[in-house]
Amino acid sequence: RQQPPSERRAVDGYLLAPFPWYGLDEAFSGPRWLMQVGTAA
């Protein structure tokens, strides 16, 4: 809630994930953008 999309984190956090990421399939042709990752303690 405190971090709007315009201040989204860099891709680095996503690259650290030990699981695959999902998005809309290629039928969607519009813009795509990273938001943020959530981490455990």
PDB file of all heavy atoms in Angstrom:
ATOM      1  N   ARG A   1       0.817  -1.197   0.000  1.00  0.00           N
ATOM      2  CA  ARG A   1       0.000   0.000   0.000  1.00  0.00           C
ATOM      3  C   ARG A   1       0.859   1.259   0.000  1.00  0.00           C
ATOM      4  O   ARG A   1       0.462   2.297  -0.475  1.00  0.00           O
ATOM      5  CB  ARG A   1      -0.929  -0.004   1.215  1.00  0.00           C
ATOM      6  CG  ARG A   1      -2.033  -1.029   1.137  1.00  0.00           C
ATOM      7  CD  ARG A   1      -3.108  -0.700   2.143  1.00  0.00           C
ATOM      8  NE  ARG A   1      -2.659  -0.858   3.513  1.00  0.00           N
ATOM      9  CZ  ARG A   1      -2.775  -1.970   4.209  1.00  0.00           C
ATOM     10  NH1 ARG A   1      -3.295  -3.041   3.649  1.00  0.00           N
ATOM     11  NH2 ARG A   1      -2.370  -2.032   5.466  1.00  0.00           N
ATOM     12  N   GLN A   2       2.067   1.150   0.544  1.00  0.00           N
ATOM     13  CA  GLN A   2       2.915   2.324   0.664  1.00  0.00           C
ATOM     14  C   GLN A   2       3.779   2.547  -0.576  1.00  0.00           C
ATOM     15  O   GLN A   2       4.368   3.599  -0.729  1.00  0.00           O
ATOM     16  CB  GLN A   2       3.831   2.167   1.885  1.00  0.00           C
ATOM     17  CG  GLN A   2       3.062   2.100   3.191  1.00  0.00           C
ATOM     18  CD  GLN A   2       3.914   1.630   4.334  1.00  0.00           C
ATOM     19  OE1 GLN A   2       5.115   1.421   4.176  1.00  0.00           O
ATOM     20  NE2 GLN A   2       3.315   1.442   5.489  1.00  0.00           N
ATOM     21  N   GLN A   3       3.854   1.556  -1.449  1.00  0.00           N
ATOM     22  CA  GLN A   3       4.764   1.651  -2.590  1.00  0.00           C
ATOM     23  C   GLN A   3       3.988   1.568  -3.895  1.00  0.00           C
ATOM     24  O   GLN A   3       3.571   0.499  -4.300  1.00  0.00           O
ATOM     25  CB  GLN A   3       5.776   0.508  -2.536  1.00  0.00           C
ATOM     26  CG  GLN A   3       6.752   0.514  -3.703  1.00  0.00           C
ATOM     27  CD  GLN A   3       7.767  -0.587  -3.555  1.00  0.00           C
ATOM     28  OE1 GLN A   3       8.056  -1.060  -2.484  1.00  0.00           O
ATOM     29  NE2 GLN A   3       8.309  -1.009  -4.666  1.00  0.00           N
ATOM     30  N   PRO A   4       3.716   2.689  -4.565  1.00  0.00           N
ATOM     31  CA  PRO A   4       2.985   2.674  -5.823  1.00  0.00           C
ATOM     32  C   PRO A   4       3.813   2.041  -6.930  1.00  0.00           C
ATOM     33  O   PRO A   4       5.032   1.930  -6.829  1.00  0.00           O
ATOM     34  CB  PRO A   4       2.735   4.158  -6.100  1.00  0.00           C
ATOM     35  CG  PRO A   4       3.836   4.861  -5.394  1.00  0.00           C
ATOM     36  CD  PRO A   4       4.117   4.045  -4.169  1.00  0.00           C
ATOM     37  N   PRO A   5       3.154   1.645  -8.045  1.00  0.00           N
ATOM     38  CA  PRO A   5       3.876   0.992  -9.137  1.00  0.00           C
ATOM     39  C   PRO A   5       5.021   1.824  -9.683  1.00  0.00           C
ATOM     40  O   PRO A   5       6.021   1.282 -10.147  1.00  0.00           O
ATOM     41  CB  PRO A   5       2.775   0.783 -10.189  1.00  0.00           C
ATOM     42  CG  PRO A   5       1.509   0.750  -9.410  1.00  0.00           C
ATOM     43  CD  PRO A   5       1.712   1.704  -8.267  1.00  0.00           C
ATOM     44  N   SER A   6       4.888   3.147  -9.678  1.00  0.00           N
ATOM     45  CA  SER A   6       5.933   3.991 -10.235  1.00  0.00           C
ATOM     46  C   SER A   6       7.236   3.885  -9.463  1.00  0.00           C
ATOM     47  O   SER A   6       8.286   4.302  -9.932  1.00  0.00           O
ATOM     48  CB  SER A   6       5.461   5.450 -10.259  1.00  0.00           C
ATOM     49  OG  SER A   6       5.153   5.889  -8.957  1.00  0.00           O
ATOM     50  N   GLU A   7       7.188   3.309  -8.255  1.00  0.00           N
ATOM     51  CA  GLU A   7       8.382   3.151  -7.449  1.00  0.00           C
ATOM     52  C   GLU A   7       8.692   1.664  -7.229  1.00  0.00           C
ATOM     53  O   GLU A   7       9.289   1.271  -6.248  1.00  0.00           O
ATOM     54  CB  GLU A   7       8.190   3.846  -6.093  1.00  0.00           C
ATOM     55  CG  GLU A   7       7.946   5.335  -6.219  1.00  0.00           C
ATOM     56  CD  GLU A   7       7.603   5.968  -4.886  1.00  0.00           C
ATOM     57  OE1 GLU A   7       7.744   5.277  -3.852  1.00  0.00           O
ATOM     58  OE2 GLU A   7       7.204   7.128  -4.868  1.00  0.00           O
ATOM     59  N   ARG A   8       8.259   0.847  -8.164  1.00  0.00           N
ATOM     60  CA  ARG A   8       8.408  -0.590  -8.004  1.00  0.00           C
ATOM     61  C   ARG A   8       9.880  -0.991  -7.942  1.00  0.00           C
ATOM     62  O   ARG A   8      10.761  -0.331  -8.472  1.00  0.00           O
ATOM     63  CB  ARG A   8       7.713  -1.324  -9.147  1.00  0.00           C
ATOM     64  CG  ARG A   8       8.212  -0.948 -10.540  1.00  0.00           C
ATOM     65  CD  ARG A   8       7.333  -1.614 -11.592  1.00  0.00           C
ATOM     66  NE  ARG A   8       7.766  -1.293 -12.934  1.00  0.00           N
ATOM     67  CZ  ARG A   8       7.326  -0.240 -13.597  1.00  0.00           C
ATOM     68  NH1 ARG A   8       6.474   0.582 -13.045  1.00  0.00           N
ATOM     69  NH2 ARG A   8       7.740  -0.007 -14.820  1.00  0.00           N
ATOM     70  N   ARG A   9      10.114  -2.113  -7.304  1.00  0.00           N
ATOM     71  CA  ARG A   9      11.477  -2.585  -7.120  1.00  0.00           C
ATOM     72  C   ARG A   9      12.065  -3.095  -8.434  1.00  0.00           C
ATOM     73  O   ARG A   9      11.361  -3.438  -9.371  1.00  0.00           O
ATOM     74  CB  ARG A   9      11.488  -3.707  -6.081  1.00  0.00           C
ATOM     75  CG  ARG A   9      11.021  -3.250  -4.707  1.00  0.00           C
ATOM     76  CD  ARG A   9      11.025  -4.408  -3.735  1.00  0.00           C
ATOM     77  NE  ARG A   9      10.523  -3.977  -2.436  1.00  0.00           N
ATOM     78  CZ  ARG A   9      10.385  -4.768  -1.400  1.00  0.00           C
ATOM     79  NH1 ARG A   9      10.688  -6.048  -1.499  1.00  0.00           N
ATOM     80  NH2 ARG A   9       9.927  -4.317  -0.251  1.00  0.00           N
ATOM     81  N   ALA A  10      13.376  -3.170  -8.474  1.00  0.00           N
ATOM     82  CA  ALA A  10      14.070  -3.677  -9.653  1.00  0.00           C
ATOM     83  C   ALA A  10      13.835  -5.175  -9.790  1.00  0.00           C
ATOM     84  O   ALA A  10      13.304  -5.829  -8.897  1.00  0.00           O
ATOM     85  CB  ALA A  10      15.563  -3.369  -9.542  1.00  0.00           C
ATOM     86  N   VAL A  11      14.252  -5.699 -10.902  1.00  0.00           N
ATOM     87  CA  VAL A  11      14.015  -7.111 -11.200  1.00  0.00           C
ATOM     88  C   VAL A  11      14.829  -8.043 -10.305  1.00  0.00           C
ATOM     89  O   VAL A  11      14.547  -9.235 -10.217  1.00  0.00           O
ATOM     90  CB  VAL A  11      14.323  -7.381 -12.694  1.00  0.00           C
ATOM     91  CG1 VAL A  11      15.831  -7.315 -12.944  1.00  0.00           C
ATOM     92  CG2 VAL A  11      13.754  -8.716 -13.151  1.00  0.00           C
ATOM     93  N   ASP A  12      15.817  -7.502  -9.594  1.00  0.00           N
ATOM     94  CA  ASP A  12      16.712  -8.342  -8.807  1.00  0.00           C
ATOM     95  C   ASP A  12      15.979  -9.271  -7.850  1.00  0.00           C
ATOM     96  O   ASP A  12      16.323 -10.447  -7.713  1.00  0.00           O
ATOM     97  CB  ASP A  12      17.688  -7.469  -8.008  1.00  0.00           C
ATOM     98  CG  ASP A  12      18.570  -6.613  -8.903  1.00  0.00           C
ATOM     99  OD1 ASP A  12      18.080  -6.200  -9.970  1.00  0.00           O
ATOM    100  OD2 ASP A  12      19.726  -6.360  -8.547  1.00  0.00           O
ATOM    101  N   GLY A  13      14.974  -8.754  -7.151  1.00  0.00           N
ATOM    102  CA  GLY A  13      14.239  -9.584  -6.199  1.00  0.00           C
ATOM    103  C   GLY A  13      13.547 -10.751  -6.879  1.00  0.00           C
ATOM    104  O   GLY A  13      13.507 -11.862  -6.342  1.00  0.00           O
ATOM    105  N   TYR A  14      13.037 -10.524  -8.078  1.00  0.00           N
ATOM    106  CA  TYR A  14      12.366 -11.595  -8.820  1.00  0.00           C
ATOM    107  C   TYR A  14      13.363 -12.677  -9.224  1.00  0.00           C
ATOM    108  O   TYR A  14      13.037 -13.867  -9.242  1.00  0.00           O
ATOM    109  CB  TYR A  14      11.687 -11.020 -10.067  1.00  0.00           C
ATOM    110  CG  TYR A  14      10.511 -10.126  -9.761  1.00  0.00           C
ATOM    111  CD1 TYR A  14      10.691  -8.790  -9.423  1.00  0.00           C
ATOM    112  CD2 TYR A  14       9.208 -10.612  -9.810  1.00  0.00           C
ATOM    113  CE1 TYR A  14       9.614  -7.965  -9.148  1.00  0.00           C
ATOM    114  CE2 TYR A  14       8.118  -9.791  -9.540  1.00  0.00           C
ATOM    115  CZ  TYR A  14       8.336  -8.467  -9.200  1.00  0.00           C
ATOM    116  OH  TYR A  14       7.269  -7.656  -8.917  1.00  0.00           O
ATOM    117  N   LEU A  15      14.580 -12.264  -9.549  1.00  0.00           N
ATOM    118  CA  LEU A  15      15.599 -13.226  -9.968  1.00  0.00           C
ATOM    119  C   LEU A  15      16.036 -14.140  -8.825  1.00  0.00           C
ATOM    120  O   LEU A  15      16.580 -15.225  -9.065  1.00  0.00           O
ATOM    121  CB  LEU A  15      16.812 -12.480 -10.534  1.00  0.00           C
ATOM    122  CG  LEU A  15      16.567 -11.692 -11.827  1.00  0.00           C
ATOM    123  CD1 LEU A  15      17.794 -10.851 -12.167  1.00  0.00           C
ATOM    124  CD2 LEU A  15      16.231 -12.636 -12.968  1.00  0.00           C
ATOM    125  N   LEU A  16      15.804 -13.722  -7.594  1.00  0.00           N
ATOM    126  CA  LEU A  16      16.202 -14.521  -6.433  1.00  0.00           C
ATOM    127  C   LEU A  16      15.182 -15.598  -6.077  1.00  0.00           C
ATOM    128  O   LEU A  16      15.457 -16.456  -5.243  1.00  0.00           O
ATOM    129  CB  LEU A  16      16.404 -13.606  -5.214  1.00  0.00           C
ATOM    130  CG  LEU A  16      17.552 -12.598  -5.300  1.00  0.00           C
ATOM    131  CD1 LEU A  16      17.535 -11.691  -4.077  1.00  0.00           C
ATOM    132  CD2 LEU A  16      18.884 -13.313  -5.417  1.00  0.00           C
ATOM    133  N   ALA A  17      14.027 -15.559  -6.690  1.00  0.00           N
ATOM    134  CA  ALA A  17      12.963 -16.510  -6.343  1.00  0.00           C
ATOM    135  C   ALA A  17      13.330 -17.926  -6.765  1.00  0.00           C
ATOM    136  O   ALA A  17      13.793 -18.142  -7.887  1.00  0.00           O
ATOM    137  CB  ALA A  17      11.660 -16.100  -7.002  1.00  0.00           C
ATOM    138  N   PRO A  18      13.104 -18.919  -5.902  1.00  0.00           N
ATOM    139  CA  PRO A  18      13.385 -20.315  -6.238  1.00  0.00           C
ATOM    140  C   PRO A  18      12.212 -21.005  -6.931  1.00  0.00           C
ATOM    141  O   PRO A  18      12.100 -22.223  -6.899  1.00  0.00           O
ATOM    142  CB  PRO A  18      13.651 -20.931  -4.861  1.00  0.00           C
ATOM    143  CG  PRO A  18      12.757 -20.178  -3.950  1.00  0.00           C
ATOM    144  CD  PRO A  18      12.734 -18.752  -4.482  1.00  0.00           C
ATOM    145  N   PHE A  19      11.335 -20.226  -7.543  1.00  0.00           N
ATOM    146  CA  PHE A  19      10.152 -20.775  -8.208  1.00  0.00           C
ATOM    147  C   PHE A  19       9.888 -19.971  -9.476  1.00  0.00           C
ATOM    148  O   PHE A  19      10.382 -18.847  -9.619  1.00  0.00           O
ATOM    149  CB  PHE A  19       8.932 -20.726  -7.276  1.00  0.00           C
ATOM    150  CG  PHE A  19       8.639 -19.358  -6.720  1.00  0.00           C
ATOM    151  CD1 PHE A  19       7.874 -18.427  -7.428  1.00  0.00           C
ATOM    152  CD2 PHE A  19       9.140 -18.983  -5.479  1.00  0.00           C
ATOM    153  CE1 PHE A  19       7.617 -17.168  -6.925  1.00  0.00           C
ATOM    154  CE2 PHE A  19       8.885 -17.723  -4.958  1.00  0.00           C
ATOM    155  CZ  PHE A  19       8.121 -16.810  -5.677  1.00  0.00           C
ATOM    156  N   PRO A  20       9.103 -20.494 -10.410  1.00  0.00           N
ATOM    157  CA  PRO A  20       8.826 -19.769 -11.656  1.00  0.00           C
ATOM    158  C   PRO A  20       7.783 -18.680 -11.453  1.00  0.00           C
ATOM    159  O   PRO A  20       6.889 -18.804 -10.609  1.00  0.00           O
ATOM    160  CB  PRO A  20       8.308 -20.868 -12.590  1.00  0.00           C
ATOM    161  CG  PRO A  20       7.672 -21.862 -11.670  1.00  0.00           C
ATOM    162  CD  PRO A  20       8.537 -21.863 -10.434  1.00  0.00           C
ATOM    163  N   TRP A  21       7.892 -17.626 -12.246  1.00  0.00           N
ATOM    164  CA  TRP A  21       6.912 -16.547 -12.209  1.00  0.00           C
ATOM    165  C   TRP A  21       5.878 -16.730 -13.308  1.00  0.00           C
ATOM    166  O   TRP A  21       6.176 -17.262 -14.380  1.00  0.00           O
ATOM    167  CB  TRP A  21       7.599 -15.197 -12.393  1.00  0.00           C
ATOM    168  CG  TRP A  21       8.501 -14.837 -11.263  1.00  0.00           C
ATOM    169  CD1 TRP A  21       9.858 -14.893 -11.239  1.00  0.00           C
ATOM    170  CD2 TRP A  21       8.100 -14.380  -9.962  1.00  0.00           C
ATOM    171  NE1 TRP A  21      10.332 -14.496 -10.012  1.00  0.00           N
ATOM    172  CE2 TRP A  21       9.282 -14.182  -9.209  1.00  0.00           C
ATOM    173  CE3 TRP A  21       6.865 -14.124  -9.360  1.00  0.00           C
ATOM    174  CZ2 TRP A  21       9.246 -13.731  -7.892  1.00  0.00           C
ATOM    175  CZ3 TRP A  21       6.844 -13.675  -8.051  1.00  0.00           C
ATOM    176  CH2 TRP A  21       8.027 -13.475  -7.331  1.00  0.00           C
ATOM    177  N   TYR A  22       4.672 -16.265 -13.031  1.00  0.00           N
ATOM    178  CA  TYR A  22       3.593 -16.359 -14.007  1.00  0.00           C
ATOM    179  C   TYR A  22       3.038 -14.971 -14.326  1.00  0.00           C
ATOM    180  O   TYR A  22       3.071 -14.054 -13.494  1.00  0.00           O
ATOM    181  CB  TYR A  22       2.455 -17.238 -13.477  1.00  0.00           C
ATOM    182  CG  TYR A  22       2.653 -18.699 -13.802  1.00  0.00           C
ATOM    183  CD1 TYR A  22       3.561 -19.466 -13.092  1.00  0.00           C
ATOM    184  CD2 TYR A  22       1.961 -19.300 -14.849  1.00  0.00           C
ATOM    185  CE1 TYR A  22       3.769 -20.805 -13.393  1.00  0.00           C
ATOM    186  CE2 TYR A  22       2.155 -20.634 -15.159  1.00  0.00           C
ATOM    187  CZ  TYR A  22       3.055 -21.381 -14.438  1.00  0.00           C
ATOM    188  OH  TYR A  22       3.262 -22.703 -14.751  1.00  0.00           O
ATOM    189  N   GLY A  23       2.533 -14.848 -15.550  1.00  0.00           N
ATOM    190  CA  GLY A  23       1.855 -13.643 -15.984  1.00  0.00           C
ATOM    191  C   GLY A  23       0.739 -14.025 -16.941  1.00  0.00           C
ATOM    192  O   GLY A  23       0.462 -15.218 -17.141  1.00  0.00           O
ATOM    193  N   LEU A  24       0.097 -13.050 -17.549  1.00  0.00           N
ATOM    194  CA  LEU A  24      -0.882 -13.355 -18.579  1.00  0.00           C
ATOM    195  C   LEU A  24      -0.169 -13.959 -19.784  1.00  0.00           C
ATOM    196  O   LEU A  24       0.992 -13.650 -20.052  1.00  0.00           O
ATOM    197  CB  LEU A  24      -1.632 -12.095 -18.995  1.00  0.00           C
ATOM    198  CG  LEU A  24      -2.482 -11.414 -17.911  1.00  0.00           C
ATOM    199  CD1 LEU A  24      -3.265 -10.255 -18.525  1.00  0.00           C
ATOM    200  CD2 LEU A  24      -3.430 -12.407 -17.238  1.00  0.00           C
ATOM    201  N   ASP A  25      -0.862 -14.826 -20.499  1.00  0.00           N
ATOM    202  CA  ASP A  25      -0.220 -15.485 -21.643  1.00  0.00           C
ATOM    203  C   ASP A  25      -0.069 -14.516 -22.811  1.00  0.00           C
ATOM    204  O   ASP A  25      -0.445 -13.339 -22.736  1.00  0.00           O
ATOM    205  CB  ASP A  25      -0.980 -16.757 -22.032  1.00  0.00           C
ATOM    206  CG  ASP A  25      -2.411 -16.490 -22.469  1.00  0.00           C
ATOM    207  OD1 ASP A  25      -2.722 -15.342 -22.860  1.00  0.00           O
ATOM    208  OD2 ASP A  25      -3.235 -17.426 -22.412  1.00  0.00           O
ATOM    209  N   GLU A  26       0.487 -15.017 -23.901  1.00  0.00           N
ATOM    210  CA  GLU A  26       0.851 -14.142 -25.024  1.00  0.00           C
ATOM    211  C   GLU A  26      -0.354 -13.565 -25.756  1.00  0.00           C
ATOM    212  O   GLU A  26      -0.204 -12.677 -26.595  1.00  0.00           O
ATOM    213  CB  GLU A  26       1.731 -14.906 -26.007  1.00  0.00           C
ATOM    214  CG  GLU A  26       1.093 -16.149 -26.584  1.00  0.00           C
ATOM    215  CD  GLU A  26       2.077 -16.941 -27.436  1.00  0.00           C
ATOM    216  OE1 GLU A  26       3.292 -16.706 -27.331  1.00  0.00           O
ATOM    217  OE2 GLU A  26       1.603 -17.799 -28.206  1.00  0.00           O
ATOM    218  N   ALA A  27      -1.558 -14.020 -25.419  1.00  0.00           N
ATOM    219  CA  ALA A  27      -2.748 -13.411 -26.020  1.00  0.00           C
ATOM    220  C   ALA A  27      -2.903 -11.961 -25.571  1.00  0.00           C
ATOM    221  O   ALA A  27      -3.539 -11.157 -26.258  1.00  0.00           O
ATOM    222  CB  ALA A  27      -3.995 -14.211 -25.647  1.00  0.00           C
ATOM    223  N   PHE A  28      -2.312 -11.627 -24.431  1.00  0.00           N
ATOM    224  CA  PHE A  28      -2.325 -10.239 -23.967  1.00  0.00           C
ATOM    225  C   PHE A  28      -1.140  -9.512 -24.575  1.00  0.00           C
ATOM    226  O   PHE A  28       0.013  -9.895 -24.375  1.00  0.00           O
ATOM    227  CB  PHE A  28      -2.248 -10.176 -22.436  1.00  0.00           C
ATOM    228  CG  PHE A  28      -2.142  -8.777 -21.903  1.00  0.00           C
ATOM    229  CD1 PHE A  28      -3.265  -7.973 -21.823  1.00  0.00           C
ATOM    230  CD2 PHE A  28      -0.912  -8.257 -21.521  1.00  0.00           C
ATOM    231  CE1 PHE A  28      -3.176  -6.659 -21.357  1.00  0.00           C
ATOM    232  CE2 PHE A  28      -0.812  -6.955 -21.044  1.00  0.00           C
ATOM    233  CZ  PHE A  28      -1.940  -6.165 -20.964  1.00  0.00           C
ATOM    234  N   SER A  29      -1.405  -8.451 -25.308  1.00  0.00           N
ATOM    235  CA  SER A  29      -0.336  -7.743 -26.036  1.00  0.00           C
ATOM    236  C   SER A  29      -0.016  -6.371 -25.465  1.00  0.00           C
ATOM    237  O   SER A  29       0.780  -5.629 -26.034  1.00  0.00           O
ATOM    238  CB  SER A  29      -0.730  -7.596 -27.508  1.00  0.00           C
ATOM    239  OG  SER A  29      -1.956  -6.881 -27.636  1.00  0.00           O
ATOM    240  N   GLY A  30      -0.630  -6.029 -24.326  1.00  0.00           N
ATOM    241  CA  GLY A  30      -0.414  -4.711 -23.752  1.00  0.00           C
ATOM    242  C   GLY A  30       0.824  -4.629 -22.878  1.00  0.00           C
ATOM    243  O   GLY A  30       1.636  -5.559 -22.803  1.00  0.00           O
ATOM    244  N   PRO A  31       0.987  -3.503 -22.174  1.00  0.00           N
ATOM    245  CA  PRO A  31       2.153  -3.299 -21.311  1.00  0.00           C
ATOM    246  C   PRO A  31       2.185  -4.297 -20.154  1.00  0.00           C
ATOM    247  O   PRO A  31       1.146  -4.718 -19.647  1.00  0.00           O
ATOM    248  CB  PRO A  31       1.963  -1.864 -20.792  1.00  0.00           C
ATOM    249  CG  PRO A  31       0.978  -1.233 -21.719  1.00  0.00           C
ATOM    250  CD  PRO A  31       0.096  -2.329 -22.202  1.00  0.00           C
ATOM    251  N   ARG A  32       3.403  -4.639 -19.739  1.00  0.00           N
ATOM    252  CA  ARG A  32       3.623  -5.497 -18.567  1.00  0.00           C
ATOM    253  C   ARG A  32       4.645  -4.794 -17.684  1.00  0.00           C
ATOM    254  O   ARG A  32       5.594  -4.215 -18.187  1.00  0.00           O
ATOM    255  CB  ARG A  32       4.142  -6.879 -18.988  1.00  0.00           C
ATOM    256  CG  ARG A  32       3.190  -7.650 -19.911  1.00  0.00           C
ATOM    257  CD  ARG A  32       3.846  -8.897 -20.481  1.00  0.00           C
ATOM    258  NE  ARG A  32       2.977  -9.571 -21.429  1.00  0.00           N
ATOM    259  CZ  ARG A  32       2.380 -10.741 -21.215  1.00  0.00           C
ATOM    260  NH1 ARG A  32       2.601 -11.386 -20.071  1.00  0.00           N
ATOM    261  NH2 ARG A  32       1.595 -11.284 -22.122  1.00  0.00           N
ATOM    262  N   TRP A  33       4.482  -4.898 -16.354  1.00  0.00           N
ATOM    263  CA  TRP A  33       5.378  -4.183 -15.456  1.00  0.00           C
ATOM    264  C   TRP A  33       5.508  -4.919 -14.121  1.00  0.00           C
ATOM    265  O   TRP A  33       4.593  -5.541 -13.623  1.00  0.00           O
ATOM    266  CB  TRP A  33       4.897  -2.756 -15.222  1.00  0.00           C
ATOM    267  CG  TRP A  33       3.415  -2.560 -15.313  1.00  0.00           C
ATOM    268  CD1 TRP A  33       2.692  -2.346 -16.445  1.00  0.00           C
ATOM    269  CD2 TRP A  33       2.465  -2.585 -14.235  1.00  0.00           C
ATOM    270  NE1 TRP A  33       1.353  -2.230 -16.154  1.00  0.00           N
ATOM    271  CE2 TRP A  33       1.189  -2.368 -14.808  1.00  0.00           C
ATOM    272  CE3 TRP A  33       2.570  -2.749 -12.859  1.00  0.00           C
ATOM    273  CZ2 TRP A  33       0.025  -2.321 -14.044  1.00  0.00           C
ATOM    274  CZ3 TRP A  33       1.413  -2.704 -12.096  1.00  0.00           C
ATOM    275  CH2 TRP A  33       0.165  -2.490 -12.689  1.00  0.00           C
ATOM    276  N   LEU A  34       6.726  -4.852 -13.588  1.00  0.00           N
ATOM    277  CA  LEU A  34       6.997  -5.456 -12.290  1.00  0.00           C
ATOM    278  C   LEU A  34       6.426  -4.592 -11.182  1.00  0.00           C
ATOM    279  O   LEU A  34       6.400  -3.368 -11.283  1.00  0.00           O
ATOM    280  CB  LEU A  34       8.503  -5.612 -12.076  1.00  0.00           C
ATOM    281  CG  LEU A  34       9.258  -6.498 -13.071  1.00  0.00           C
ATOM    282  CD1 LEU A  34      10.735  -6.525 -12.709  1.00  0.00           C
ATOM    283  CD2 LEU A  34       8.682  -7.919 -13.066  1.00  0.00           C
ATOM    284  N   MET A  35       6.011  -5.236 -10.099  1.00  0.00           N
ATOM    285  CA  MET A  35       5.513  -4.506  -8.933  1.00  0.00           C
ATOM    286  C   MET A  35       6.474  -4.700  -7.758  1.00  0.00           C
ATOM    287  O   MET A  35       7.399  -3.947  -7.568  1.00  0.00           O
ATOM    288  CB  MET A  35       4.091  -4.937  -8.612  1.00  0.00           C
ATOM    289  CG  MET A  35       3.121  -4.597  -9.742  1.00  0.00           C
ATOM    290  SD  MET A  35       1.411  -5.068  -9.451  1.00  0.00           S
ATOM    291  CE  MET A  35       0.933  -3.891  -8.186  1.00  0.00           C
ATOM    292  N   GLN A  36       6.301  -5.771  -6.984  1.00  0.00           N
ATOM    293  CA  GLN A  36       7.210  -6.011  -5.879  1.00  0.00           C
ATOM    294  C   GLN A  36       7.156  -7.472  -5.480  1.00  0.00           C
ATOM    295  O   GLN A  36       6.232  -8.206  -5.833  1.00  0.00           O
ATOM    296  CB  GLN A  36       6.858  -5.156  -4.672  1.00  0.00           C
ATOM    297  CG  GLN A  36       5.523  -5.501  -4.025  1.00  0.00           C
ATOM    298  CD  GLN A  36       5.288  -4.700  -2.762  1.00  0.00           C
ATOM    299  OE1 GLN A  36       5.770  -3.593  -2.623  1.00  0.00           O
ATOM    300  NE2 GLN A  36       4.540  -5.268  -1.842  1.00  0.00           N
ATOM    301  N   VAL A  37       8.175  -7.904  -4.736  1.00  0.00           N
ATOM    302  CA  VAL A  37       8.199  -9.256  -4.193  1.00  0.00           C
ATOM    303  C   VAL A  37       7.978  -9.189  -2.691  1.00  0.00           C
ATOM    304  O   VAL A  37       8.229  -8.167  -2.049  1.00  0.00           O
ATOM    305  CB  VAL A  37       9.538  -9.977  -4.494  1.00  0.00           C
ATOM    306  CG1 VAL A  37       9.754 -10.096  -5.991  1.00  0.00           C
ATOM    307  CG2 VAL A  37      10.707  -9.252  -3.830  1.00  0.00           C
ATOM    308  N   GLY A  38       7.500 -10.290  -2.123  1.00  0.00           N
ATOM    309  CA  GLY A  38       7.342 -10.422  -0.679  1.00  0.00           C
ATOM    310  C   GLY A  38       8.286 -11.495  -0.186  1.00  0.00           C
ATOM    311  O   GLY A  38       8.478 -12.530  -0.836  1.00  0.00           O
ATOM    312  N   THR A  39       8.902 -11.264   0.954  1.00  0.00           N
ATOM    313  CA  THR A  39       9.893 -12.195   1.482  1.00  0.00           C
ATOM    314  C   THR A  39       9.519 -12.676   2.873  1.00  0.00           C
ATOM    315  O   THR A  39       8.786 -12.005   3.613  1.00  0.00           O
ATOM    316  CB  THR A  39      11.288 -11.545   1.543  1.00  0.00           C
ATOM    317  OG1 THR A  39      11.231 -10.395   2.396  1.00  0.00           O
ATOM    318  CG2 THR A  39      11.739 -11.115   0.160  1.00  0.00           C
ATOM    319  N   ALA A  40      10.042 -13.845   3.237  1.00  0.00           N
ATOM    320  CA  ALA A  40       9.907 -14.372   4.588  1.00  0.00           C
ATOM    321  C   ALA A  40      10.912 -13.668   5.491  1.00  0.00           C
ATOM    322  O   ALA A  40      11.747 -12.880   5.032  1.00  0.00           O
ATOM    323  CB  ALA A  40      10.151 -15.878   4.584  1.00  0.00           C
ATOM    324  N   ALA A  41      10.852 -13.975   6.778  1.00  0.00           N
ATOM    325  CA  ALA A  41      11.736 -13.318   7.746  1.00  0.00           C
ATOM    326  C   ALA A  41      13.208 -13.574   7.437  1.00  0.00           C
ATOM    327  O   ALA A  41      14.068 -12.758   7.759  1.00  0.00           O
ATOM    328  CB  ALA A  41      11.403 -13.795   9.153  1.00  0.00           C
TER     329      ALA A  41
END
